[in-house]
Amino acid sequence: MSSATPQTLTSLKDLGGPSATAADASSLGSDLPEPKIDAQGRAYATGKRKNAVARVWIKPGSGRVTVNGRDSTVYFARPVLRMIVSQPFGIVERVDQYDVIATVVGGGLSGQAGAVRHGISKALTYYEPTLRAPLKAAGFLTRDSRVVERKKYGRAKARRSFQFSKR
C-alpha cells in the first residue's frame, strides 16, 4: 500500500508542473473556432428546409436582405416569411448590421424562408463564433429534417386509403 502522507490540493497542483498551467491558460482562449471569412469579407453558409436549399452570404452593412436578386420584401411578400428570415438577427441583437445575399432553389416560399433563416444562422456563427450559443439555444442551427412523405402504391396519398365501398 502507499505511505501515510496525505496529499493536499496544493501538492496535487504542483504535480502538473508549471507547463501544465501555461497550457491550460492558452487553451481557455482558443475554445472558439476562427471566423470563416472570404477575401471579400463575407461569411458563407448553406441552409436547408424541406426541399429548399439556400446559399447565403453575409457581410457587414445596413441590413439589406436580397433573395435571388430581389429585395426580401418583394420575394417574401407575406410578413410571416419576412419575420422568419429576420429572426436570427433579433436573437443575437444584430438587426440592421449585416447585409444578406441569398440564392434559393427548390420547395415553396415557406420552405425557402426556413432555408434562408438556417443559412443566415450558420453564416452568423462563421462570422462571429461567439454567437453560436444563443442561436443554438433558439434552435436555428438545427436542420429541420421533416420532409413530405412519399406516396405509396395502393394508397390515395402517402397514408390515405381509397374510399371504402360496401356495395
N, C-alpha and C. Protein backbone atom coordinates (compact mmCIF):
# COMPACT_ATOMS: atom_id res chain seq x y z
N MET A 1 0.83 -1.19 0.00
CA MET A 1 0.00 0.00 0.00
C MET A 1 0.87 1.25 0.00
N SER A 2 0.25 2.45 -0.06
CA SER A 2 1.01 3.69 -0.13
C SER A 2 1.35 4.18 1.28
N SER A 3 2.25 5.14 1.33
CA SER A 3 2.65 5.69 2.63
C SER A 3 1.52 6.55 3.19
N ALA A 4 1.65 6.93 4.44
CA ALA A 4 0.58 7.61 5.15
C ALA A 4 0.65 9.12 5.00
N THR A 5 1.39 9.65 4.00
CA THR A 5 1.45 11.11 3.85
C THR A 5 0.22 11.58 3.07
N PRO A 6 -0.60 12.40 3.71
CA PRO A 6 -1.79 12.88 3.00
C PRO A 6 -1.41 13.94 1.96
N GLN A 7 -2.15 13.97 0.84
CA GLN A 7 -1.89 14.95 -0.20
C GLN A 7 -2.93 16.06 -0.12
N THR A 8 -2.46 17.28 -0.18
CA THR A 8 -3.37 18.42 -0.17
C THR A 8 -3.59 18.90 -1.60
N LEU A 9 -4.50 19.84 -1.76
CA LEU A 9 -4.77 20.38 -3.09
C LEU A 9 -3.56 21.08 -3.67
N THR A 10 -2.80 21.76 -2.86
CA THR A 10 -1.63 22.46 -3.39
C THR A 10 -0.59 21.47 -3.87
N SER A 11 -0.44 20.36 -3.16
CA SER A 11 0.54 19.38 -3.61
C SER A 11 0.08 18.70 -4.90
N LEU A 12 -1.22 18.52 -5.08
CA LEU A 12 -1.72 17.94 -6.33
C LEU A 12 -1.49 18.90 -7.49
N LYS A 13 -1.64 20.21 -7.24
CA LYS A 13 -1.42 21.19 -8.27
C LYS A 13 0.04 21.21 -8.69
N ASP A 14 0.93 20.99 -7.73
CA ASP A 14 2.35 21.00 -8.04
C ASP A 14 2.76 19.80 -8.87
N LEU A 15 1.98 18.74 -8.86
CA LEU A 15 2.32 17.55 -9.64
C LEU A 15 2.31 17.84 -11.13
N GLY A 16 1.40 18.73 -11.58
CA GLY A 16 1.31 19.04 -13.00
C GLY A 16 2.49 19.85 -13.50
N GLY A 17 3.10 20.64 -12.64
CA GLY A 17 4.24 21.45 -13.03
C GLY A 17 3.79 22.75 -13.68
N PRO A 18 4.74 23.65 -13.93
CA PRO A 18 4.39 24.95 -14.50
C PRO A 18 3.93 24.87 -15.95
N SER A 19 4.38 23.85 -16.70
CA SER A 19 3.99 23.76 -18.10
C SER A 19 2.51 23.42 -18.25
N ALA A 20 1.95 22.68 -17.32
CA ALA A 20 0.54 22.31 -17.42
C ALA A 20 -0.36 23.53 -17.22
N THR A 21 0.00 24.42 -16.31
CA THR A 21 -0.83 25.60 -16.08
C THR A 21 -0.76 26.55 -17.27
N ALA A 22 0.38 26.66 -17.91
CA ALA A 22 0.51 27.52 -19.08
C ALA A 22 -0.31 26.96 -20.23
N ALA A 23 -0.33 25.63 -20.38
CA ALA A 23 -1.13 25.02 -21.44
C ALA A 23 -2.61 25.20 -21.18
N ASP A 24 -3.01 25.11 -19.89
CA ASP A 24 -4.42 25.30 -19.55
C ASP A 24 -4.84 26.73 -19.85
N ALA A 25 -4.01 27.70 -19.56
CA ALA A 25 -4.36 29.10 -19.79
C ALA A 25 -4.47 29.39 -21.27
N SER A 26 -3.59 28.80 -22.09
CA SER A 26 -3.65 29.07 -23.53
C SER A 26 -4.84 28.38 -24.17
N SER A 27 -5.26 27.23 -23.64
CA SER A 27 -6.39 26.52 -24.24
C SER A 27 -7.71 27.18 -23.91
N LEU A 28 -7.77 27.97 -22.83
CA LEU A 28 -9.02 28.62 -22.48
C LEU A 28 -9.43 29.65 -23.52
N GLY A 29 -8.49 30.38 -24.09
CA GLY A 29 -8.82 31.40 -25.07
C GLY A 29 -9.09 30.83 -26.45
N SER A 30 -8.65 29.62 -26.73
CA SER A 30 -8.79 29.06 -28.08
C SER A 30 -9.96 28.09 -28.18
N ASP A 31 -10.95 28.19 -27.28
CA ASP A 31 -12.11 27.31 -27.36
C ASP A 31 -12.95 27.62 -28.59
N LEU A 32 -13.02 28.90 -28.97
CA LEU A 32 -13.84 29.29 -30.10
C LEU A 32 -13.06 29.10 -31.40
N PRO A 33 -13.73 28.62 -32.45
CA PRO A 33 -13.04 28.49 -33.73
C PRO A 33 -12.80 29.86 -34.36
N GLU A 34 -11.89 29.89 -35.30
CA GLU A 34 -11.60 31.12 -36.01
C GLU A 34 -12.76 31.49 -36.93
N PRO A 35 -13.03 32.79 -37.14
CA PRO A 35 -14.08 33.18 -38.09
C PRO A 35 -13.71 32.73 -39.50
N LYS A 36 -14.72 32.29 -40.25
CA LYS A 36 -14.51 31.84 -41.64
C LYS A 36 -15.01 32.94 -42.56
N ILE A 37 -14.09 33.82 -42.97
CA ILE A 37 -14.43 34.97 -43.80
C ILE A 37 -13.61 34.89 -45.07
N ASP A 38 -14.27 35.11 -46.25
CA ASP A 38 -13.57 35.02 -47.52
C ASP A 38 -12.85 36.34 -47.84
N ALA A 39 -12.26 36.41 -49.03
CA ALA A 39 -11.46 37.57 -49.41
C ALA A 39 -12.29 38.84 -49.53
N GLN A 40 -13.58 38.72 -49.81
CA GLN A 40 -14.46 39.89 -49.91
C GLN A 40 -15.04 40.30 -48.56
N GLY A 41 -14.66 39.64 -47.48
CA GLY A 41 -15.16 39.99 -46.15
C GLY A 41 -16.53 39.42 -45.86
N ARG A 42 -16.88 38.31 -46.53
CA ARG A 42 -18.20 37.70 -46.34
C ARG A 42 -18.06 36.35 -45.68
N ALA A 43 -19.14 35.93 -45.02
CA ALA A 43 -19.22 34.57 -44.48
C ALA A 43 -20.28 33.83 -45.29
N TYR A 44 -20.00 32.58 -45.65
CA TYR A 44 -20.91 31.80 -46.49
C TYR A 44 -21.42 30.59 -45.73
N ALA A 45 -22.69 30.27 -45.93
CA ALA A 45 -23.27 29.06 -45.34
C ALA A 45 -24.41 28.57 -46.23
N THR A 46 -24.71 27.29 -46.10
CA THR A 46 -25.83 26.69 -46.81
C THR A 46 -26.91 26.34 -45.81
N GLY A 47 -28.15 26.75 -46.11
CA GLY A 47 -29.29 26.44 -45.26
C GLY A 47 -30.27 25.56 -45.99
N LYS A 48 -30.91 24.66 -45.26
CA LYS A 48 -31.87 23.73 -45.88
C LYS A 48 -33.13 23.64 -45.04
N ARG A 49 -34.27 23.45 -45.73
CA ARG A 49 -35.55 23.24 -45.08
C ARG A 49 -36.48 22.62 -46.10
N LYS A 50 -37.13 21.51 -45.75
CA LYS A 50 -37.96 20.75 -46.68
C LYS A 50 -37.16 20.45 -47.93
N ASN A 51 -37.60 20.89 -49.10
CA ASN A 51 -36.84 20.64 -50.33
C ASN A 51 -36.10 21.89 -50.80
N ALA A 52 -36.05 22.93 -49.99
CA ALA A 52 -35.40 24.17 -50.38
C ALA A 52 -33.96 24.19 -49.89
N VAL A 53 -33.08 24.72 -50.73
CA VAL A 53 -31.67 24.87 -50.38
C VAL A 53 -31.30 26.33 -50.64
N ALA A 54 -30.73 26.99 -49.63
CA ALA A 54 -30.35 28.39 -49.74
C ALA A 54 -28.85 28.53 -49.57
N ARG A 55 -28.22 29.27 -50.49
CA ARG A 55 -26.83 29.64 -50.35
C ARG A 55 -26.82 31.08 -49.85
N VAL A 56 -26.19 31.32 -48.70
CA VAL A 56 -26.30 32.61 -48.02
C VAL A 56 -24.91 33.18 -47.78
N TRP A 57 -24.73 34.46 -48.14
CA TRP A 57 -23.53 35.22 -47.83
C TRP A 57 -23.94 36.39 -46.95
N ILE A 58 -23.21 36.64 -45.88
CA ILE A 58 -23.47 37.82 -45.06
C ILE A 58 -22.18 38.63 -44.96
N LYS A 59 -22.36 39.97 -44.89
CA LYS A 59 -21.23 40.88 -44.72
C LYS A 59 -21.74 42.08 -43.95
N PRO A 60 -20.86 42.80 -43.26
CA PRO A 60 -21.31 43.99 -42.52
C PRO A 60 -21.94 44.99 -43.48
N GLY A 61 -23.05 45.58 -43.05
CA GLY A 61 -23.75 46.53 -43.91
C GLY A 61 -24.90 47.19 -43.20
N SER A 62 -25.90 47.56 -43.98
CA SER A 62 -27.03 48.35 -43.45
C SER A 62 -28.27 47.51 -43.20
N GLY A 63 -28.21 46.20 -43.38
CA GLY A 63 -29.36 45.35 -43.10
C GLY A 63 -30.19 44.99 -44.31
N ARG A 64 -29.65 45.15 -45.52
CA ARG A 64 -30.39 44.78 -46.73
C ARG A 64 -30.36 43.27 -46.91
N VAL A 65 -31.52 42.71 -47.24
CA VAL A 65 -31.63 41.27 -47.50
C VAL A 65 -32.06 41.10 -48.94
N THR A 66 -31.23 40.45 -49.75
CA THR A 66 -31.52 40.22 -51.16
C THR A 66 -31.64 38.72 -51.38
N VAL A 67 -32.77 38.31 -51.96
CA VAL A 67 -33.02 36.90 -52.23
C VAL A 67 -33.24 36.74 -53.73
N ASN A 68 -32.41 35.94 -54.38
CA ASN A 68 -32.48 35.69 -55.82
C ASN A 68 -32.52 37.00 -56.62
N GLY A 69 -31.72 37.97 -56.20
CA GLY A 69 -31.63 39.24 -56.91
C GLY A 69 -32.74 40.22 -56.62
N ARG A 70 -33.70 39.85 -55.78
CA ARG A 70 -34.80 40.76 -55.43
C ARG A 70 -34.75 41.06 -53.94
N ASP A 71 -35.33 42.21 -53.57
CA ASP A 71 -35.40 42.57 -52.16
C ASP A 71 -36.29 41.56 -51.43
N SER A 72 -36.00 41.33 -50.14
CA SER A 72 -36.76 40.32 -49.40
C SER A 72 -38.23 40.71 -49.25
N THR A 73 -38.53 42.03 -49.22
CA THR A 73 -39.94 42.44 -49.10
C THR A 73 -40.71 42.10 -50.36
N VAL A 74 -40.04 42.02 -51.50
CA VAL A 74 -40.69 41.64 -52.75
C VAL A 74 -40.77 40.13 -52.86
N TYR A 75 -39.65 39.45 -52.55
CA TYR A 75 -39.61 37.99 -52.73
C TYR A 75 -40.50 37.29 -51.70
N PHE A 76 -40.36 37.67 -50.43
CA PHE A 76 -41.21 37.11 -49.38
C PHE A 76 -42.28 38.15 -49.06
N ALA A 77 -43.39 38.09 -49.79
CA ALA A 77 -44.43 39.11 -49.68
C ALA A 77 -45.17 39.02 -48.34
N ARG A 78 -45.32 37.80 -47.81
CA ARG A 78 -46.05 37.66 -46.54
C ARG A 78 -45.19 38.12 -45.37
N PRO A 79 -45.77 38.88 -44.44
CA PRO A 79 -44.98 39.36 -43.30
C PRO A 79 -44.42 38.23 -42.44
N VAL A 80 -45.13 37.11 -42.37
CA VAL A 80 -44.66 35.98 -41.55
C VAL A 80 -43.34 35.45 -42.11
N LEU A 81 -43.22 35.38 -43.42
CA LEU A 81 -41.99 34.87 -44.03
C LEU A 81 -40.83 35.83 -43.80
N ARG A 82 -41.10 37.14 -43.88
CA ARG A 82 -40.05 38.12 -43.61
C ARG A 82 -39.60 38.06 -42.15
N MET A 83 -40.56 37.80 -41.24
CA MET A 83 -40.23 37.67 -39.83
C MET A 83 -39.33 36.45 -39.61
N ILE A 84 -39.63 35.34 -40.29
CA ILE A 84 -38.82 34.13 -40.16
C ILE A 84 -37.39 34.40 -40.60
N VAL A 85 -37.23 35.13 -41.71
CA VAL A 85 -35.89 35.41 -42.23
C VAL A 85 -35.10 36.31 -41.28
N SER A 86 -35.78 37.23 -40.60
CA SER A 86 -35.06 38.19 -39.75
C SER A 86 -34.88 37.70 -38.31
N GLN A 87 -35.42 36.54 -37.94
CA GLN A 87 -35.33 36.05 -36.57
C GLN A 87 -33.90 35.91 -36.03
N PRO A 88 -32.95 35.35 -36.79
CA PRO A 88 -31.60 35.19 -36.23
C PRO A 88 -30.96 36.52 -35.79
N PHE A 89 -31.20 37.59 -36.54
CA PHE A 89 -30.62 38.88 -36.18
C PHE A 89 -31.24 39.42 -34.89
N GLY A 90 -32.53 39.17 -34.69
CA GLY A 90 -33.17 39.61 -33.46
C GLY A 90 -32.67 38.87 -32.25
N ILE A 91 -32.41 37.58 -32.40
CA ILE A 91 -31.93 36.76 -31.28
C ILE A 91 -30.56 37.25 -30.80
N VAL A 92 -29.67 37.54 -31.74
CA VAL A 92 -28.31 37.93 -31.37
C VAL A 92 -28.12 39.45 -31.31
N GLU A 93 -29.21 40.20 -31.45
CA GLU A 93 -29.20 41.67 -31.37
C GLU A 93 -28.24 42.28 -32.37
N ARG A 94 -28.36 41.87 -33.62
CA ARG A 94 -27.55 42.40 -34.71
C ARG A 94 -28.45 42.91 -35.84
N VAL A 95 -29.59 43.48 -35.51
CA VAL A 95 -30.54 43.96 -36.52
C VAL A 95 -29.90 45.12 -37.27
N ASP A 96 -30.02 45.11 -38.58
CA ASP A 96 -29.50 46.15 -39.48
C ASP A 96 -27.99 46.32 -39.38
N GLN A 97 -27.26 45.27 -39.09
CA GLN A 97 -25.81 45.34 -39.05
C GLN A 97 -25.15 44.52 -40.15
N TYR A 98 -25.92 43.63 -40.79
CA TYR A 98 -25.36 42.76 -41.83
C TYR A 98 -26.24 42.82 -43.07
N ASP A 99 -25.58 42.81 -44.23
CA ASP A 99 -26.27 42.64 -45.50
C ASP A 99 -26.27 41.16 -45.84
N VAL A 100 -27.38 40.69 -46.41
CA VAL A 100 -27.54 39.28 -46.73
C VAL A 100 -27.79 39.15 -48.23
N ILE A 101 -27.05 38.28 -48.88
CA ILE A 101 -27.31 37.92 -50.27
C ILE A 101 -27.57 36.42 -50.28
N ALA A 102 -28.74 36.02 -50.77
CA ALA A 102 -29.11 34.61 -50.75
C ALA A 102 -29.63 34.19 -52.12
N THR A 103 -29.30 32.96 -52.51
CA THR A 103 -29.91 32.33 -53.68
C THR A 103 -30.59 31.06 -53.20
N VAL A 104 -31.86 30.92 -53.54
CA VAL A 104 -32.65 29.80 -53.04
C VAL A 104 -33.24 29.04 -54.22
N VAL A 105 -33.19 27.71 -54.14
CA VAL A 105 -33.82 26.86 -55.15
C VAL A 105 -34.62 25.78 -54.44
N GLY A 106 -35.68 25.33 -55.09
CA GLY A 106 -36.47 24.21 -54.60
C GLY A 106 -37.50 24.61 -53.57
N GLY A 107 -38.50 23.75 -53.42
CA GLY A 107 -39.51 23.95 -52.40
C GLY A 107 -40.43 25.11 -52.67
N GLY A 108 -41.23 25.45 -51.67
CA GLY A 108 -42.14 26.59 -51.75
C GLY A 108 -41.60 27.75 -50.95
N LEU A 109 -42.39 28.81 -50.84
CA LEU A 109 -41.92 30.01 -50.17
C LEU A 109 -41.65 29.77 -48.69
N SER A 110 -42.48 28.98 -48.02
CA SER A 110 -42.28 28.73 -46.60
C SER A 110 -40.98 27.96 -46.36
N GLY A 111 -40.75 26.93 -47.14
CA GLY A 111 -39.51 26.18 -47.02
C GLY A 111 -38.30 27.03 -47.37
N GLN A 112 -38.45 27.91 -48.36
CA GLN A 112 -37.33 28.77 -48.74
C GLN A 112 -37.00 29.76 -47.63
N ALA A 113 -38.03 30.30 -46.98
CA ALA A 113 -37.79 31.23 -45.87
C ALA A 113 -37.06 30.51 -44.73
N GLY A 114 -37.48 29.28 -44.45
CA GLY A 114 -36.79 28.50 -43.42
C GLY A 114 -35.36 28.18 -43.79
N ALA A 115 -35.12 27.92 -45.09
CA ALA A 115 -33.76 27.64 -45.55
C ALA A 115 -32.88 28.87 -45.43
N VAL A 116 -33.43 30.04 -45.75
CA VAL A 116 -32.65 31.28 -45.64
C VAL A 116 -32.33 31.55 -44.16
N ARG A 117 -33.31 31.32 -43.27
CA ARG A 117 -33.07 31.51 -41.84
C ARG A 117 -31.96 30.59 -41.34
N HIS A 118 -32.00 29.33 -41.77
CA HIS A 118 -30.98 28.37 -41.39
C HIS A 118 -29.61 28.81 -41.90
N GLY A 119 -29.56 29.27 -43.15
CA GLY A 119 -28.30 29.73 -43.73
C GLY A 119 -27.76 30.97 -43.04
N ILE A 120 -28.64 31.92 -42.71
CA ILE A 120 -28.21 33.14 -42.02
C ILE A 120 -27.64 32.78 -40.65
N SER A 121 -28.29 31.86 -39.96
CA SER A 121 -27.83 31.47 -38.63
C SER A 121 -26.44 30.84 -38.70
N LYS A 122 -26.24 29.94 -39.67
CA LYS A 122 -24.94 29.30 -39.80
C LYS A 122 -23.87 30.31 -40.21
N ALA A 123 -24.22 31.23 -41.11
CA ALA A 123 -23.25 32.23 -41.57
C ALA A 123 -22.87 33.17 -40.42
N LEU A 124 -23.83 33.49 -39.56
CA LEU A 124 -23.52 34.34 -38.40
C LEU A 124 -22.52 33.65 -37.48
N THR A 125 -22.67 32.35 -37.28
CA THR A 125 -21.72 31.63 -36.42
C THR A 125 -20.34 31.56 -37.06
N TYR A 126 -20.29 31.55 -38.40
CA TYR A 126 -18.99 31.55 -39.07
C TYR A 126 -18.34 32.93 -38.97
N TYR A 127 -19.15 33.99 -39.05
CA TYR A 127 -18.61 35.35 -38.99
C TYR A 127 -18.22 35.73 -37.57
N GLU A 128 -19.12 35.42 -36.60
CA GLU A 128 -18.85 35.69 -35.19
C GLU A 128 -19.09 34.41 -34.40
N PRO A 129 -18.06 33.62 -34.12
CA PRO A 129 -18.25 32.35 -33.41
C PRO A 129 -18.87 32.49 -32.02
N THR A 130 -18.81 33.68 -31.42
CA THR A 130 -19.41 33.85 -30.09
C THR A 130 -20.93 33.81 -30.13
N LEU A 131 -21.53 33.96 -31.33
CA LEU A 131 -22.99 33.96 -31.45
C LEU A 131 -23.57 32.55 -31.52
N ARG A 132 -22.73 31.54 -31.51
CA ARG A 132 -23.23 30.16 -31.65
C ARG A 132 -24.16 29.76 -30.52
N ALA A 133 -23.83 30.11 -29.29
CA ALA A 133 -24.63 29.67 -28.13
C ALA A 133 -26.07 30.18 -28.18
N PRO A 134 -26.32 31.48 -28.40
CA PRO A 134 -27.73 31.91 -28.44
C PRO A 134 -28.49 31.36 -29.63
N LEU A 135 -27.83 31.22 -30.78
CA LEU A 135 -28.51 30.68 -31.95
C LEU A 135 -28.84 29.20 -31.77
N LYS A 136 -27.93 28.47 -31.14
CA LYS A 136 -28.18 27.05 -30.89
C LYS A 136 -29.30 26.88 -29.88
N ALA A 137 -29.32 27.74 -28.85
CA ALA A 137 -30.38 27.66 -27.83
C ALA A 137 -31.74 27.95 -28.44
N ALA A 138 -31.78 28.83 -29.43
CA ALA A 138 -33.05 29.14 -30.10
C ALA A 138 -33.44 28.08 -31.12
N GLY A 139 -32.53 27.15 -31.45
CA GLY A 139 -32.84 26.06 -32.37
C GLY A 139 -32.67 26.42 -33.83
N PHE A 140 -31.94 27.51 -34.12
CA PHE A 140 -31.80 27.95 -35.51
C PHE A 140 -30.67 27.25 -36.25
N LEU A 141 -29.80 26.54 -35.55
CA LEU A 141 -28.70 25.85 -36.21
C LEU A 141 -29.05 24.41 -36.56
N THR A 142 -30.19 23.94 -36.08
CA THR A 142 -30.61 22.57 -36.35
C THR A 142 -31.37 22.51 -37.66
N ARG A 143 -30.96 21.61 -38.54
CA ARG A 143 -31.65 21.43 -39.81
C ARG A 143 -32.95 20.70 -39.54
N ASP A 144 -34.08 21.31 -39.88
CA ASP A 144 -35.38 20.68 -39.69
C ASP A 144 -35.52 19.59 -40.74
N SER A 145 -35.45 18.33 -40.32
CA SER A 145 -35.36 17.21 -41.26
C SER A 145 -36.71 16.73 -41.76
N ARG A 146 -37.80 17.38 -41.34
CA ARG A 146 -39.11 16.92 -41.77
C ARG A 146 -39.34 17.26 -43.24
N VAL A 147 -39.62 16.25 -44.03
CA VAL A 147 -39.94 16.44 -45.45
C VAL A 147 -41.23 15.69 -45.75
N VAL A 148 -41.81 15.97 -46.90
CA VAL A 148 -43.08 15.35 -47.28
C VAL A 148 -42.84 13.85 -47.51
N GLU A 149 -43.72 13.04 -46.95
CA GLU A 149 -43.62 11.60 -47.12
C GLU A 149 -44.06 11.21 -48.53
N ARG A 150 -43.41 10.23 -49.11
CA ARG A 150 -43.74 9.87 -50.49
C ARG A 150 -45.05 9.10 -50.55
N LYS A 151 -45.67 9.14 -51.73
CA LYS A 151 -46.91 8.41 -51.95
C LYS A 151 -46.61 6.93 -52.11
N LYS A 152 -47.46 6.08 -51.50
CA LYS A 152 -47.28 4.62 -51.60
C LYS A 152 -48.27 4.06 -52.63
N TYR A 153 -47.86 2.95 -53.22
CA TYR A 153 -48.75 2.30 -54.18
C TYR A 153 -49.92 1.66 -53.42
N GLY A 154 -51.07 1.61 -54.05
CA GLY A 154 -52.26 1.06 -53.40
C GLY A 154 -52.89 2.02 -52.42
N ARG A 155 -52.44 3.26 -52.38
CA ARG A 155 -52.97 4.28 -51.49
C ARG A 155 -53.30 5.53 -52.30
N ALA A 156 -54.22 6.34 -51.77
CA ALA A 156 -54.58 7.58 -52.45
C ALA A 156 -53.48 8.63 -52.29
N LYS A 157 -52.91 8.68 -51.10
CA LYS A 157 -51.80 9.60 -50.84
C LYS A 157 -50.72 8.82 -50.09
N ALA A 158 -49.97 9.47 -49.23
CA ALA A 158 -48.90 8.76 -48.53
C ALA A 158 -49.48 7.72 -47.58
N ARG A 159 -50.56 8.07 -46.87
CA ARG A 159 -51.16 7.14 -45.92
C ARG A 159 -52.65 6.92 -46.14
N ARG A 160 -53.30 7.84 -46.83
CA ARG A 160 -54.75 7.77 -47.01
C ARG A 160 -55.12 6.63 -47.94
N SER A 161 -56.09 5.83 -47.51
CA SER A 161 -56.58 4.75 -48.35
C SER A 161 -57.65 5.28 -49.28
N PHE A 162 -57.96 4.49 -50.32
CA PHE A 162 -59.08 4.84 -51.19
C PHE A 162 -60.38 4.65 -50.41
N GLN A 163 -61.44 5.37 -50.82
CA GLN A 163 -62.71 5.30 -50.11
C GLN A 163 -63.27 3.87 -50.19
N PHE A 164 -63.70 3.37 -49.04
CA PHE A 164 -64.25 2.01 -48.98
C PHE A 164 -65.68 2.01 -49.51
N SER A 165 -66.00 1.04 -50.37
CA SER A 165 -67.35 0.91 -50.90
C SER A 165 -67.91 -0.43 -50.47
N LYS A 166 -68.99 -0.38 -49.72
CA LYS A 166 -69.59 -1.64 -49.24
C LYS A 166 -70.29 -2.37 -50.39
N ARG A 167 -70.93 -1.63 -51.31
CA ARG A 167 -71.62 -2.29 -52.43
C ARG A 167 -71.11 -1.79 -53.75
